[in-house]
Amino acid sequence: MLRIIIIYGIVINLIAFAMYGIDKLQARRGGRRTPERTLLILSAIGGSMGAIIAMQLLRHKTQHAWFHYGVPAMLLTHAIVITYILVKYYA
């Protein structure tokens, strides 16, 4: 179970990072953008760390309140849930 959680976390964070990067590239080119809802859903389902890293490295979506406050709140929630799971089942 722990292995699945780790693999899921890595994959979803890589996807979130990539989607933020693609959206930034499309914003520069004037192309088709990724909906903000999609980016937030990716963050909510476990990609918050990848999203935060992309936001900081790419300077993307840092001024939007939902991203500025929401994504770090999601990361905190994920950290609490993961800590709970680790303590309950693996300690």
Protein backbone atom coordinates (compact mmCIF):
# COMPACT_ATOMS: atom_id res chain seq x y z
CA MET A 1 0.00 0.00 0.00
CA LEU A 2 2.78 2.44 0.92
CA ARG A 3 4.51 1.74 -2.39
CA ILE A 4 1.32 2.58 -4.31
CA ILE A 5 0.92 5.84 -2.39
CA ILE A 6 4.51 6.85 -3.14
CA ILE A 7 4.22 6.02 -6.85
CA TYR A 8 0.88 7.86 -7.06
CA GLY A 9 2.39 10.90 -5.33
CA ILE A 10 5.34 11.04 -7.69
CA VAL A 11 3.22 10.60 -10.82
CA ILE A 12 0.50 13.11 -9.89
CA ASN A 13 3.08 15.73 -8.90
CA LEU A 14 4.97 15.28 -12.17
CA ILE A 15 1.70 15.64 -14.08
CA ALA A 16 0.75 18.76 -12.12
CA PHE A 17 4.18 20.31 -12.72
CA ALA A 18 3.96 19.52 -16.43
CA MET A 19 0.44 20.93 -16.77
CA TYR A 20 1.44 24.18 -15.08
CA GLY A 21 4.44 24.38 -17.41
CA ILE A 22 2.32 23.70 -20.49
CA ASP A 23 -0.16 26.36 -19.39
CA LYS A 24 2.66 28.87 -18.90
CA LEU A 25 4.03 28.09 -22.36
CA GLN A 26 0.58 28.42 -23.92
CA ALA A 27 0.07 31.74 -22.13
CA ARG A 28 3.25 33.09 -23.69
CA ARG A 29 2.32 31.82 -27.15
CA GLY A 30 -1.31 32.88 -26.97
CA GLY A 31 -2.39 29.28 -27.45
CA ARG A 32 -5.07 27.13 -25.87
CA ARG A 33 -4.80 27.40 -22.09
CA THR A 34 -5.42 24.78 -19.45
CA PRO A 35 -8.52 25.76 -17.44
CA GLU A 36 -7.74 26.99 -13.92
CA ARG A 37 -10.23 24.45 -12.60
CA THR A 38 -8.13 21.62 -14.09
CA LEU A 39 -4.96 22.97 -12.49
CA LEU A 40 -6.68 23.25 -9.11
CA ILE A 41 -8.15 19.74 -9.38
CA LEU A 42 -4.69 18.34 -10.12
CA SER A 43 -3.44 20.10 -7.00
CA ALA A 44 -6.35 18.83 -4.92
CA ILE A 45 -5.94 15.18 -5.89
CA GLY A 46 -2.35 15.09 -4.72
CA GLY A 47 -0.31 17.29 -7.03
CA SER A 48 0.04 20.25 -4.71
CA MET A 49 3.81 19.92 -4.28
CA GLY A 50 4.37 19.80 -8.05
CA ALA A 51 2.03 22.76 -8.45
CA ILE A 52 3.84 24.85 -5.86
CA ILE A 53 7.23 24.05 -7.37
CA ALA A 54 5.95 24.97 -10.84
CA MET A 55 4.36 28.16 -9.54
CA GLN A 56 7.64 29.27 -7.98
CA LEU A 57 10.05 28.13 -10.71
CA LEU A 58 7.90 29.30 -13.61
CA ARG A 59 6.35 32.30 -11.85
CA HIS A 60 2.95 31.14 -12.96
CA LYS A 61 -0.42 31.70 -11.25
CA THR A 62 1.26 33.26 -8.21
CA GLN A 63 -1.02 36.32 -8.13
CA HIS A 64 -4.33 34.46 -8.26
CA ALA A 65 -5.83 34.08 -4.78
CA TRP A 66 -7.10 30.53 -5.36
CA PHE A 67 -3.59 29.48 -6.29
CA HIS A 68 -1.69 31.70 -3.85
CA TYR A 69 -3.63 30.47 -0.82
CA GLY A 70 -5.47 27.37 -2.02
CA VAL A 71 -2.57 25.28 -3.30
CA PRO A 72 -0.47 25.69 -0.10
CA ALA A 73 -3.59 24.83 1.93
CA MET A 74 -3.97 21.67 -0.17
CA LEU A 75 -0.32 20.81 0.45
CA LEU A 76 -0.83 21.21 4.20
CA THR A 77 -3.92 18.99 4.03
CA HIS A 78 -2.01 16.36 2.06
CA ALA A 79 0.84 16.43 4.57
CA ILE A 80 -1.60 15.93 7.45
CA VAL A 81 -3.34 13.02 5.72
CA ILE A 82 -0.06 11.32 4.78
CA THR A 83 1.26 11.76 8.32
CA TYR A 84 -1.94 10.28 9.72
CA ILE A 85 -1.71 7.27 7.39
CA LEU A 86 1.95 6.68 8.21
CA VAL A 87 1.39 6.92 11.95
CA LYS A 88 -1.76 4.81 11.97
CA TYR A 89 -0.62 2.02 9.70
CA TYR A 90 3.18 2.03 9.71
CA ALA A 91 4.30 3.16 13.16
